[in-house]
Amino acid sequence: MHRAALPAMGILGVAGVAGVAAADPWTVRMESGAEADSNVTRVEDKPISAAVGRLGGRIDYRDALLGGTYAAEVSGLARMVASAQNKDESVMLDAGELRWLHPIGGSSLAAGVHLTAADSFGVLVPTGARTYRNLGGDALVMLGHGEDHHLMLGVGWRDFVYKQVTGFDWRGPVASARLDSVLWHTPDRTRSLELAAVLGFEARSYNDVARFNCAPDGSGNSCPMDSTLRRRDRYQRGGLELTWTGAVVATGGYQLTVVDSNSYGQSLIRQRITAAATMEVVTALFVSATATLQIDQYPEGVPNLLHQELTSLEDENRSSLQVLITRALSTAWSLEVRGAIWRDFGTAGASFRRELAYAGVLYQH
């Protein structure tokens, strides 16, 4: 769903598996709503406005198995666009995730595996917009110090298929590290300061050839031509995030992504700064605001196909401002209203604009 990318979700593999002894191992979440989207095709030129219907659900289950603990999650999200011109924008995303950890002796060390799969496809046409399939598996090692400090290391493999353009398909090894640490908290834990640090690396081998610039050096011209080499990218990222929990839950983060490619125009330096806050303004009425500033730099110049991002249903690789208002109706039901705008900043020639307004109902138990 649209909050799946919030920082708290990234702790599932650490706190979620470690805390498997919860009274109820099941968590069920369902969402239904409608939105007005000013740019359903997510393009820079000639955007199309349309109404969009959304229906989704997610089930989480946690339990013990073979001397260890596991957490399983399956989800589905349908996005139906009311526009006869853009049938490929009506898409369905199915995803599943399984994480299992086994303690090693009586130490604070644990080892396990992480499996993930996602597949999005067109609902009204065979291939929808930005539809893809992503399969992956990782070997995990987790080192924990009490309840407040955890380090997760992973090494694995990814196989990504972009269904519209096979040249964007890639596969290769991946590695990651994530540290979650509670820096400070009150004795009753009603207030706390937490740090999350992440590092990631992917060696992507694409189903496409690398390109070179045939224009003379120093001419300032662009003349991409195919080579006989396979395109290979080194995808590196690192980030820090601080979260304050109290009367207001506030988060600030910085992420740096560096892509080194042997194909002309595909190298990228991306900086992303995020600030978010959530508070209860009156009883059972919560307001959340998230601001993201993204600056993209292309060492070899801006590519010709500017901002043809490979986004999923929810991943927006642009600067944005989003406000979410949630009104609890009961312990399980709530109403949601969301407004969001997306823009491009820090990139020459960028002209992307998108606004969205959403209203829906949420069930979680």
Protein backbone atom coordinates (compact mmCIF):
# COMPACT_ATOMS: atom_id res chain seq x y z
CA MET A 1 0.00 0.00 0.00
CA HIS A 2 1.02 3.63 -0.19
CA ARG A 3 2.79 3.65 3.17
CA ALA A 4 4.81 0.52 2.50
CA ALA A 5 7.96 2.57 1.99
CA LEU A 6 7.86 4.30 5.36
CA PRO A 7 10.98 3.76 7.48
CA ALA A 8 9.23 1.53 10.01
CA MET A 9 8.63 -1.15 7.40
CA GLY A 10 12.36 -1.60 6.92
CA ILE A 11 12.67 -2.98 10.45
CA LEU A 12 10.46 -6.01 9.71
CA GLY A 13 13.45 -8.31 9.30
CA VAL A 14 14.96 -7.29 12.65
CA ALA A 15 12.25 -6.37 15.11
CA GLY A 16 9.51 -8.31 13.33
CA VAL A 17 11.27 -11.67 13.43
CA ALA A 18 12.89 -11.11 16.80
CA GLY A 19 9.52 -10.25 18.33
CA VAL A 20 7.65 -13.27 17.05
CA ALA A 21 6.23 -14.05 20.47
CA ALA A 22 3.38 -11.56 20.00
CA ALA A 23 -0.03 -12.67 21.25
CA ASP A 24 -1.52 -12.77 17.75
CA PRO A 25 0.79 -13.96 14.95
CA TRP A 26 -1.62 -12.72 12.23
CA THR A 27 -1.92 -9.18 10.91
CA VAL A 28 -4.49 -8.44 8.20
CA ARG A 29 -4.68 -5.14 6.37
CA MET A 30 -7.10 -4.09 3.61
CA GLU A 31 -7.44 -0.82 1.71
CA SER A 32 -10.05 0.55 -0.70
CA GLY A 33 -10.32 4.04 -2.11
CA ALA A 34 -10.32 6.41 -5.06
CA GLU A 35 -7.96 9.13 -6.21
CA ALA A 36 -7.73 11.95 -8.71
CA ASP A 37 -4.39 11.84 -10.55
CA SER A 38 -3.24 14.74 -12.74
CA ASN A 39 -0.61 12.63 -14.52
CA VAL A 40 -1.52 8.96 -14.59
CA THR A 41 1.08 8.16 -17.25
CA ARG A 42 3.86 9.89 -15.26
CA VAL A 43 5.33 11.70 -18.24
CA GLU A 44 6.88 15.15 -18.67
CA ASP A 45 4.97 16.14 -21.81
CA LYS A 46 1.18 16.15 -22.26
CA PRO A 47 0.08 14.63 -18.92
CA ILE A 48 -3.35 12.97 -18.77
CA SER A 49 -5.68 13.40 -15.79
CA ALA A 50 -7.98 10.58 -14.69
CA ALA A 51 -9.83 9.07 -11.75
CA VAL A 52 -8.22 5.98 -10.23
CA GLY A 53 -9.66 3.23 -8.05
CA ARG A 54 -7.48 1.28 -5.61
CA LEU A 55 -8.06 -2.03 -3.84
CA GLY A 56 -5.41 -3.85 -1.87
CA GLY A 57 -4.69 -6.21 0.97
CA ARG A 58 -1.78 -7.62 2.95
CA ILE A 59 -1.41 -10.53 5.35
CA ASP A 60 1.52 -10.97 7.75
CA TYR A 61 2.19 -14.11 9.77
CA ARG A 62 4.91 -14.82 12.31
CA ASP A 63 5.71 -18.10 14.02
CA ALA A 64 8.46 -20.53 15.04
CA LEU A 65 9.88 -23.18 12.69
CA LEU A 66 12.80 -25.65 12.90
CA GLY A 67 14.25 -24.01 15.99
CA GLY A 68 14.08 -20.53 14.51
CA THR A 69 11.49 -17.83 13.86
CA TYR A 70 10.02 -16.67 10.58
CA ALA A 71 7.90 -13.85 9.21
CA ALA A 72 5.87 -14.23 6.03
CA GLU A 73 4.05 -11.51 4.11
CA VAL A 74 1.83 -11.65 1.02
CA SER A 75 0.13 -8.64 -0.55
CA GLY A 76 -1.81 -7.55 -3.59
CA LEU A 77 -2.71 -4.11 -4.92
CA ALA A 78 -4.93 -3.29 -7.89
CA ARG A 79 -4.88 0.15 -9.51
CA MET A 80 -7.71 0.76 -12.00
CA VAL A 81 -7.55 3.91 -14.15
CA ALA A 82 -10.81 5.30 -15.57
CA SER A 83 -9.34 6.29 -18.93
CA ALA A 84 -10.01 4.46 -22.20
CA GLN A 85 -6.83 6.01 -23.65
CA ASN A 86 -4.61 4.44 -21.00
CA LYS A 87 -5.72 0.87 -20.43
CA ASP A 88 -2.12 -0.13 -19.72
CA GLU A 89 -2.20 2.04 -16.57
CA SER A 90 -4.61 -0.41 -14.90
CA VAL A 91 -2.20 -2.80 -13.21
CA MET A 92 -2.01 -5.38 -10.43
CA LEU A 93 0.96 -5.89 -8.13
CA ASP A 94 1.40 -9.14 -6.19
CA ALA A 95 4.27 -9.54 -3.75
CA GLY A 96 5.52 -12.04 -1.21
CA GLU A 97 8.32 -12.08 1.34
CA LEU A 98 9.66 -14.76 3.67
CA ARG A 99 12.37 -14.28 6.29
CA TRP A 100 13.65 -17.03 8.61
CA LEU A 101 16.29 -16.66 11.34
CA HIS A 102 17.83 -19.33 13.56
CA PRO A 103 19.85 -18.43 16.69
CA ILE A 104 23.37 -19.83 16.86
CA GLY A 105 23.95 -21.41 20.24
CA GLY A 106 23.27 -19.16 23.18
CA SER A 107 24.92 -16.15 21.56
CA SER A 108 23.34 -13.03 20.13
CA LEU A 109 24.15 -14.24 16.61
CA ALA A 110 21.53 -15.62 14.22
CA ALA A 111 21.62 -16.84 10.63
CA GLY A 112 18.88 -17.38 8.09
CA VAL A 113 17.46 -16.69 4.65
CA HIS A 114 15.32 -14.03 3.01
CA LEU A 115 13.22 -14.72 -0.10
CA THR A 116 11.30 -12.08 -2.02
CA ALA A 117 9.12 -12.06 -5.13
CA ALA A 118 7.07 -9.35 -6.84
CA ASP A 119 5.10 -9.42 -10.07
CA SER A 120 3.04 -6.62 -11.60
CA PHE A 121 0.95 -7.12 -14.72
CA GLY A 122 -1.72 -5.40 -16.79
CA VAL A 123 -5.35 -5.92 -15.83
CA LEU A 124 -6.99 -4.85 -19.13
CA VAL A 125 -4.02 -5.47 -21.45
CA PRO A 126 -1.31 -8.18 -21.42
CA THR A 127 1.47 -5.77 -20.43
CA GLY A 128 0.71 -2.82 -18.20
CA ALA A 129 2.64 0.39 -17.66
CA ARG A 130 5.90 -0.09 -15.72
CA THR A 131 5.06 -3.76 -15.14
CA TYR A 132 7.91 -5.93 -13.94
CA ARG A 133 8.92 -9.11 -12.13
CA ASN A 134 11.56 -9.20 -9.42
CA LEU A 135 12.86 -12.39 -7.76
CA GLY A 136 15.51 -12.54 -5.09
CA GLY A 137 17.09 -14.52 -2.30
CA ASP A 138 19.62 -13.66 0.42
CA ALA A 139 21.63 -15.42 3.08
CA LEU A 140 21.35 -13.45 6.32
CA VAL A 141 23.43 -12.98 9.45
CA MET A 142 22.06 -10.93 12.33
CA LEU A 143 23.98 -9.72 15.34
CA GLY A 144 21.89 -8.36 18.19
CA HIS A 145 22.80 -6.63 21.44
CA GLY A 146 19.75 -6.72 23.69
CA GLU A 147 16.54 -5.31 22.28
CA ASP A 148 17.97 -1.99 21.14
CA HIS A 149 20.81 -2.78 18.74
CA HIS A 150 20.73 -5.04 15.68
CA LEU A 151 23.02 -5.44 12.70
CA MET A 152 21.72 -7.37 9.67
CA LEU A 153 24.05 -8.49 6.87
CA GLY A 154 22.84 -10.05 3.63
CA VAL A 155 24.35 -11.49 0.46
CA GLY A 156 22.23 -12.79 -2.40
CA TRP A 157 21.01 -12.57 -5.98
CA ARG A 158 18.35 -10.61 -7.90
CA ASP A 159 16.63 -11.31 -11.21
CA PHE A 160 14.69 -8.32 -12.56
CA VAL A 161 12.48 -8.37 -15.68
CA TYR A 162 10.98 -5.16 -17.08
CA LYS A 163 8.10 -6.39 -19.20
CA GLN A 164 7.85 -3.42 -21.57
CA VAL A 165 11.51 -3.13 -22.60
CA THR A 166 13.74 -6.22 -22.36
CA GLY A 167 16.85 -4.05 -22.53
CA PHE A 168 16.20 -3.03 -18.91
CA ASP A 169 16.22 -6.64 -17.65
CA TRP A 170 19.10 -7.35 -15.31
CA ARG A 171 20.44 -9.93 -12.91
CA GLY A 172 23.37 -10.18 -10.55
CA PRO A 173 24.69 -10.47 -6.99
CA VAL A 174 23.65 -8.09 -4.23
CA ALA A 175 24.91 -7.28 -0.74
CA SER A 176 23.41 -5.21 2.05
CA ALA A 177 23.97 -4.12 5.63
CA ARG A 178 21.51 -2.47 8.02
CA LEU A 179 22.10 -1.21 11.54
CA ASP A 180 19.17 -0.34 13.82
CA SER A 181 20.11 1.22 17.14
CA VAL A 182 18.16 2.94 19.91
CA LEU A 183 20.43 5.82 20.90
CA TRP A 184 18.35 7.01 23.84
CA HIS A 185 15.00 6.35 25.52
CA THR A 186 13.15 7.18 28.71
CA PRO A 187 12.67 4.40 31.29
CA ASP A 188 9.06 3.89 30.16
CA ARG A 189 10.12 4.11 26.46
CA THR A 190 7.49 6.75 25.69
CA ARG A 191 10.24 8.87 24.14
CA SER A 192 13.20 7.61 22.17
CA LEU A 193 15.79 8.48 19.54
CA GLU A 194 16.67 5.77 17.01
CA LEU A 195 19.28 5.50 14.28
CA ALA A 196 19.09 3.40 11.13
CA ALA A 197 22.06 3.11 8.77
CA VAL A 198 22.00 1.16 5.49
CA LEU A 199 24.51 0.17 2.83
CA GLY A 200 23.77 -1.65 -0.40
CA PHE A 201 25.55 -2.90 -3.50
CA GLU A 202 24.28 -4.50 -6.72
CA ALA A 203 26.34 -5.71 -9.67
CA ARG A 204 23.79 -5.49 -12.49
CA SER A 205 24.33 -7.30 -15.78
CA TYR A 206 21.75 -6.05 -18.29
CA ASN A 207 20.12 -7.76 -21.23
CA ASP A 208 21.48 -5.00 -23.47
CA VAL A 209 24.71 -3.76 -25.00
CA ALA A 210 26.76 -0.92 -23.61
CA ARG A 211 26.89 2.32 -25.60
CA PHE A 212 29.70 4.79 -26.17
CA ASN A 213 29.82 8.39 -27.32
CA CYS A 214 31.24 8.63 -30.82
CA ALA A 215 31.49 12.44 -30.65
CA PRO A 216 35.00 13.87 -30.25
CA ASP A 217 36.11 14.46 -26.66
CA GLY A 218 35.50 18.01 -25.53
CA SER A 219 32.99 18.74 -28.30
CA GLY A 220 30.04 18.77 -25.92
CA ASN A 221 28.01 16.72 -28.40
CA SER A 222 26.20 13.44 -27.78
CA CYS A 223 26.48 10.59 -30.27
CA PRO A 224 25.53 7.28 -28.57
CA MET A 225 26.47 4.13 -30.53
CA ASP A 226 26.20 0.43 -29.68
CA SER A 227 29.30 -1.47 -28.65
CA THR A 228 29.95 -5.22 -28.50
CA LEU A 229 30.07 -5.20 -24.68
CA ARG A 230 27.22 -6.12 -22.37
CA ARG A 231 25.95 -3.24 -20.25
CA ARG A 232 27.07 -3.58 -16.63
CA ASP A 233 26.26 -1.21 -13.75
CA ARG A 234 27.60 -0.98 -10.22
CA TYR A 235 24.68 0.24 -8.09
CA GLN A 236 25.83 1.57 -4.70
CA ARG A 237 23.76 3.25 -2.01
CA GLY A 238 24.10 4.36 1.57
CA GLY A 239 21.84 6.19 3.96
CA LEU A 240 21.28 7.43 7.48
CA GLU A 241 17.98 8.02 9.25
CA LEU A 242 17.12 9.42 12.67
CA THR A 243 13.70 8.90 14.24
CA TRP A 244 12.39 10.74 17.30
CA THR A 245 9.39 9.18 19.02
CA GLY A 246 7.36 11.19 21.49
CA ALA A 247 4.26 13.36 21.24
CA VAL A 248 5.41 13.75 17.63
CA VAL A 249 7.11 11.02 15.60
CA ALA A 250 9.68 12.80 13.44
CA THR A 251 12.12 11.29 10.94
CA GLY A 252 14.99 12.82 9.00
CA GLY A 253 17.08 10.94 6.48
CA TYR A 254 19.74 11.25 3.81
CA GLN A 255 20.47 8.73 1.05
CA LEU A 256 23.23 8.74 -1.55
CA THR A 257 23.02 6.51 -4.62
CA VAL A 258 25.90 6.19 -7.07
CA VAL A 259 25.52 4.25 -10.32
CA ASP A 260 28.72 3.52 -12.26
CA SER A 261 27.87 2.22 -15.72
CA ASN A 262 29.99 1.17 -18.69
CA SER A 263 27.18 2.45 -20.94
CA TYR A 264 27.28 6.11 -21.97
CA GLY A 265 24.73 8.33 -20.23
CA GLN A 266 23.65 5.75 -17.63
CA SER A 267 25.94 6.76 -14.74
CA LEU A 268 24.12 8.66 -12.01
CA ILE A 269 24.68 10.39 -8.67
CA ARG A 270 21.44 10.76 -6.71
CA GLN A 271 21.04 12.57 -3.40
CA ARG A 272 17.79 12.24 -1.49
CA ILE A 273 16.82 14.14 1.67
CA THR A 274 13.63 13.19 3.48
CA ALA A 275 11.82 14.72 6.46
CA ALA A 276 8.60 13.32 7.93
CA ALA A 277 6.43 13.94 10.98
CA THR A 278 3.29 12.34 12.42
CA MET A 279 1.18 13.62 15.30
CA GLU A 280 -2.25 13.19 16.84
CA VAL A 281 -3.88 16.63 16.51
CA VAL A 282 -7.11 15.63 18.29
CA THR A 283 -8.31 12.32 19.67
CA ALA A 284 -8.06 9.59 16.99
CA LEU A 285 -7.12 12.09 14.26
CA PHE A 286 -3.56 11.76 12.97
CA VAL A 287 -1.73 13.97 10.48
CA SER A 288 1.45 12.90 8.68
CA ALA A 289 3.58 15.04 6.37
CA THR A 290 6.54 13.91 4.28
CA ALA A 291 8.84 16.11 2.22
CA THR A 292 11.46 14.68 -0.15
CA LEU A 293 14.12 16.62 -2.01
CA GLN A 294 15.95 14.70 -4.71
CA ILE A 295 18.86 15.96 -6.77
CA ASP A 296 20.12 13.92 -9.72
CA GLN A 297 23.47 14.48 -11.38
CA TYR A 298 24.58 12.81 -14.61
CA PRO A 299 28.40 12.81 -14.88
CA GLU A 300 28.26 12.32 -18.66
CA GLY A 301 25.35 14.68 -19.22
CA VAL A 302 21.59 14.28 -19.05
CA PRO A 303 20.50 11.22 -21.08
CA ASN A 304 18.22 11.68 -24.08
CA LEU A 305 15.36 9.74 -22.48
CA LEU A 306 15.17 12.00 -19.46
CA HIS A 307 13.44 10.55 -16.40
CA GLN A 308 12.11 7.36 -17.94
CA GLU A 309 12.18 5.87 -14.47
CA LEU A 310 11.49 2.20 -13.85
CA THR A 311 9.00 2.76 -11.04
CA SER A 312 6.70 0.30 -9.35
CA LEU A 313 3.15 1.26 -8.40
CA GLU A 314 4.34 3.24 -5.39
CA ASP A 315 8.01 4.12 -5.95
CA GLU A 316 8.28 7.73 -7.11
CA ASN A 317 11.84 8.76 -7.96
CA ARG A 318 11.22 12.50 -7.72
CA SER A 319 10.98 15.29 -5.17
CA SER A 320 7.60 15.35 -3.46
CA LEU A 321 5.43 16.73 -0.68
CA GLN A 322 2.75 14.46 0.80
CA VAL A 323 0.18 14.94 3.55
CA LEU A 324 -1.84 12.05 5.01
CA ILE A 325 -4.80 12.51 7.40
CA THR A 326 -6.13 9.43 9.20
CA ARG A 327 -9.28 9.29 11.35
CA ALA A 328 -9.72 6.16 13.45
CA LEU A 329 -13.32 4.93 13.47
CA SER A 330 -12.67 1.91 15.70
CA THR A 331 -9.79 -0.27 16.75
CA ALA A 332 -9.71 -1.80 13.25
CA TRP A 333 -11.32 0.70 10.82
CA SER A 334 -10.11 4.14 9.79
CA LEU A 335 -10.62 6.74 7.08
CA GLU A 336 -7.71 8.19 5.09
CA VAL A 337 -7.29 11.33 2.99
CA ARG A 338 -4.03 12.01 1.19
CA GLY A 339 -2.70 14.81 -0.99
CA ALA A 340 0.61 14.77 -2.85
CA ILE A 341 2.61 16.74 -5.41
CA TRP A 342 5.72 15.65 -7.34
CA ARG A 343 8.27 17.88 -9.04
CA ASP A 344 11.79 17.71 -10.46
CA PHE A 345 14.49 19.83 -8.83
CA GLY A 346 18.20 20.03 -9.46
CA THR A 347 18.05 18.48 -12.95
CA ALA A 348 18.46 20.63 -16.05
CA GLY A 349 15.53 20.49 -18.44
CA ALA A 350 13.22 18.71 -15.99
CA SER A 351 9.55 19.64 -16.27
CA PHE A 352 7.70 16.82 -14.52
CA ARG A 353 4.50 17.74 -12.68
CA ARG A 354 2.03 15.52 -10.90
CA GLU A 355 -0.67 16.12 -8.27
CA LEU A 356 -2.80 13.51 -6.54
CA ALA A 357 -5.71 13.49 -4.09
CA TYR A 358 -6.87 10.25 -2.45
CA ALA A 359 -9.64 9.19 -0.07
CA GLY A 360 -10.24 5.69 1.20
CA VAL A 361 -11.03 3.33 4.04
CA LEU A 362 -8.49 1.13 5.82
CA TYR A 363 -8.99 -2.06 7.88
CA GLN A 364 -6.20 -3.47 10.02
CA HIS A 365 -6.40 -6.19 12.64
